[in-house]
Amino acid sequence: MVESSHLDEHGRAWMVDVSAKAETSRAATAEGVVGLSKDASEALFSGSLAKGDGLATVRIAAIGGAKRTADLIPLCHPIPLASIVADIEEVEGGARITVTVKSVGRTGVEMEAMTGAAVGAVALYDMVKGLDRGAEIGPVRLLEKSGGRSGEWRR
C-alpha cells in the first residue's frame, strides 16, 4: 500500500495531527481555467452579462470557496487565513482565475487556493451559462506553494 499521511496504521482515513508542527508563514497560488465562447468572454470582460458583474461575482465566490475549504474537503484542517486574493484575467479561449492564499499556521494552504479556484470557475460557468452552455472548466491546479517543512514548490 502507498504510504499516506491521511491513513492510520490500519489504512483508515484520519485527520493528520499537526499539533507538534511549528507555526510558519505559508502561501499557495492555484488557477482555474474556463474555456469560453467569444461571445461569452466578451460579455464577461465588458461587464455586459445579463446576470450582472460577473468578475466581482467570481472573485467573491473564489474567496468564499477558499474560506469554506474545511467544510468541503473532509480531511482538511480549519485554518485561520490571513489573506485571499482572487483575480480573473482574459486569456486566449476564455478566462483564468488565480487565487493566492496566505496564513501563519501548522499546515499548508494549497487546498484552500485550489478550492477557491475551483469554486470561482463554477461561479463563472453559472454567470455565462445562458450565453455558453459549452463552457469548459479545467484545469484547476496548484501553481506554487511556500512555507512549512517542504519549503517552496513551483509548477
Protein backbone atom coordinates (compact mmCIF):
# COMPACT_ATOMS: atom_id res chain seq x y z
CA MET A 1 0.00 0.00 0.00
CA VAL A 2 1.21 3.53 -0.79
CA GLU A 3 2.06 5.41 2.40
CA SER A 4 -0.25 8.36 3.09
CA SER A 5 -0.35 10.80 5.98
CA HIS A 6 -4.17 10.64 5.85
CA LEU A 7 -4.26 6.90 6.64
CA ASP A 8 -3.61 5.32 10.03
CA GLU A 9 -1.68 2.05 10.51
CA HIS A 10 -4.85 0.11 9.59
CA GLY A 11 -5.49 2.04 6.38
CA ARG A 12 -8.36 4.10 7.84
CA ALA A 13 -8.74 7.74 6.91
CA TRP A 14 -7.98 10.25 9.66
CA MET A 15 -7.15 13.90 10.08
CA VAL A 16 -3.39 14.40 10.43
CA ASP A 17 -2.20 15.58 13.86
CA VAL A 18 -0.32 18.83 13.22
CA SER A 19 -0.02 19.89 16.88
CA ALA A 20 3.76 19.22 17.01
CA LYS A 21 4.48 21.25 13.86
CA ALA A 22 5.87 24.77 14.15
CA GLU A 23 3.75 27.67 13.01
CA THR A 24 5.25 29.16 9.86
CA SER A 25 4.21 31.61 7.20
CA ARG A 26 2.57 29.72 4.34
CA ALA A 27 1.23 30.68 0.93
CA ALA A 28 -0.20 28.94 -2.11
CA THR A 29 -1.43 30.01 -5.53
CA ALA A 30 -3.76 27.99 -7.74
CA GLU A 31 -5.52 28.60 -11.01
CA GLY A 32 -8.77 27.57 -12.62
CA VAL A 33 -9.15 27.97 -16.36
CA VAL A 34 -12.55 28.26 -18.03
CA GLY A 35 -12.89 27.82 -21.78
CA LEU A 36 -15.47 30.25 -23.18
CA SER A 37 -17.03 31.15 -26.49
CA LYS A 38 -16.01 34.51 -27.92
CA ASP A 39 -19.46 35.98 -27.12
CA ALA A 40 -19.39 34.81 -23.51
CA SER A 41 -15.85 36.06 -23.00
CA GLU A 42 -16.69 39.47 -24.46
CA ALA A 43 -19.79 39.79 -22.27
CA LEU A 44 -17.91 38.75 -19.13
CA PHE A 45 -14.96 41.11 -19.61
CA SER A 46 -17.01 44.04 -20.93
CA GLY A 47 -19.37 43.89 -17.95
CA SER A 48 -22.46 43.29 -20.07
CA LEU A 49 -23.65 39.94 -18.66
CA ALA A 50 -27.41 39.82 -18.08
CA LYS A 51 -26.78 38.40 -14.57
CA GLY A 52 -24.66 41.38 -13.54
CA ASP A 53 -20.99 41.90 -12.68
CA GLY A 54 -19.51 38.52 -13.46
CA LEU A 55 -15.95 39.42 -12.47
CA ALA A 56 -16.98 40.61 -8.99
CA THR A 57 -19.18 37.54 -8.54
CA VAL A 58 -16.33 35.20 -9.46
CA ARG A 59 -13.88 36.95 -7.11
CA ILE A 60 -16.33 36.76 -4.21
CA ALA A 61 -17.12 33.10 -4.95
CA ALA A 62 -13.41 32.22 -5.11
CA ILE A 63 -12.75 33.93 -1.77
CA GLY A 64 -15.76 32.22 -0.21
CA GLY A 65 -14.67 28.84 -1.55
CA ALA A 66 -11.20 29.22 -0.07
CA LYS A 67 -12.70 30.20 3.29
CA ARG A 68 -15.01 27.15 3.34
CA THR A 69 -12.44 24.52 2.32
CA ALA A 70 -12.51 22.63 5.63
CA ASP A 71 -16.31 22.31 5.27
CA LEU A 72 -15.99 20.86 1.77
CA ILE A 73 -12.86 18.67 1.86
CA PRO A 74 -13.29 16.06 4.62
CA LEU A 75 -9.73 15.78 5.99
CA CYS A 76 -8.67 19.45 5.76
CA HIS A 77 -7.98 21.40 8.92
CA PRO A 78 -9.88 24.64 9.52
CA ILE A 79 -7.12 27.23 9.08
CA PRO A 80 -7.09 30.90 10.09
CA LEU A 81 -6.48 32.64 6.77
CA ALA A 82 -4.57 35.92 6.72
CA SER A 83 -5.21 36.85 3.08
CA ILE A 84 -7.04 35.67 -0.02
CA VAL A 85 -6.54 37.39 -3.36
CA ALA A 86 -8.66 36.29 -6.31
CA ASP A 87 -8.16 37.66 -9.80
CA ILE A 88 -9.70 36.91 -13.18
CA GLU A 89 -7.94 37.62 -16.45
CA GLU A 90 -8.90 37.14 -20.06
CA VAL A 91 -6.79 34.53 -21.80
CA GLU A 92 -6.93 33.06 -25.27
CA GLY A 93 -10.05 30.90 -25.38
CA GLY A 94 -11.55 32.06 -22.08
CA ALA A 95 -10.69 33.15 -18.57
CA ARG A 96 -8.11 32.31 -15.91
CA ILE A 97 -8.95 32.61 -12.22
CA THR A 98 -5.94 32.89 -9.93
CA VAL A 99 -6.28 32.53 -6.16
CA THR A 100 -3.47 33.20 -3.67
CA VAL A 101 -3.98 32.29 -0.02
CA LYS A 102 -1.72 33.19 2.92
CA SER A 103 -1.71 32.01 6.51
CA VAL A 104 0.53 31.55 9.52
CA GLY A 105 -0.07 28.07 10.82
CA ARG A 106 0.88 24.43 11.15
CA THR A 107 -0.39 23.18 7.81
CA GLY A 108 -0.37 24.47 4.25
CA VAL A 109 -2.98 26.37 2.29
CA GLU A 110 -2.75 24.53 -1.04
CA MET A 111 -6.23 23.07 -0.69
CA GLU A 112 -7.69 26.49 0.12
CA ALA A 113 -6.13 28.02 -3.00
CA MET A 114 -7.30 25.14 -5.21
CA THR A 115 -10.82 25.11 -3.72
CA GLY A 116 -11.06 28.87 -4.26
CA ALA A 117 -10.02 28.49 -7.90
CA ALA A 118 -12.48 25.63 -8.45
CA VAL A 119 -15.42 27.43 -6.84
CA GLY A 120 -14.58 30.58 -8.80
CA ALA A 121 -14.60 28.55 -12.02
CA VAL A 122 -18.01 27.04 -11.24
CA ALA A 123 -19.38 30.50 -10.40
CA LEU A 124 -18.01 31.81 -13.70
CA TYR A 125 -19.79 28.99 -15.53
CA ASP A 126 -23.02 29.94 -13.75
CA MET A 127 -22.64 33.57 -14.83
CA VAL A 128 -22.17 32.71 -18.54
CA LYS A 129 -24.23 29.55 -19.00
CA GLY A 130 -27.06 31.47 -20.65
CA LEU A 131 -24.64 32.50 -23.41
CA ASP A 132 -22.39 29.45 -23.48
CA ARG A 133 -23.62 26.07 -22.27
CA GLY A 134 -20.45 24.58 -23.73
CA ALA A 135 -18.11 26.47 -21.41
CA GLU A 136 -15.48 24.08 -20.01
CA ILE A 137 -13.75 24.12 -16.64
CA GLY A 138 -10.18 22.94 -16.35
CA PRO A 139 -7.53 22.58 -15.49
CA VAL A 140 -7.72 23.54 -11.84
CA ARG A 141 -4.22 23.18 -10.45
CA LEU A 142 -1.69 24.33 -7.91
CA LEU A 143 0.87 26.76 -9.34
CA GLU A 144 3.10 27.29 -6.33
CA LYS A 145 3.36 26.95 -2.56
CA SER A 146 5.75 28.10 0.12
CA GLY A 147 6.31 27.52 3.81
CA GLY A 148 6.34 24.52 6.07
CA ARG A 149 8.75 21.61 6.15
CA SER A 150 8.68 21.00 2.40
CA GLY A 151 9.55 24.63 1.58
CA GLU A 152 8.92 26.08 -1.84
CA TRP A 153 7.42 24.36 -4.88
CA ARG A 154 6.59 25.83 -8.31
CA ARG A 155 4.88 24.22 -11.28
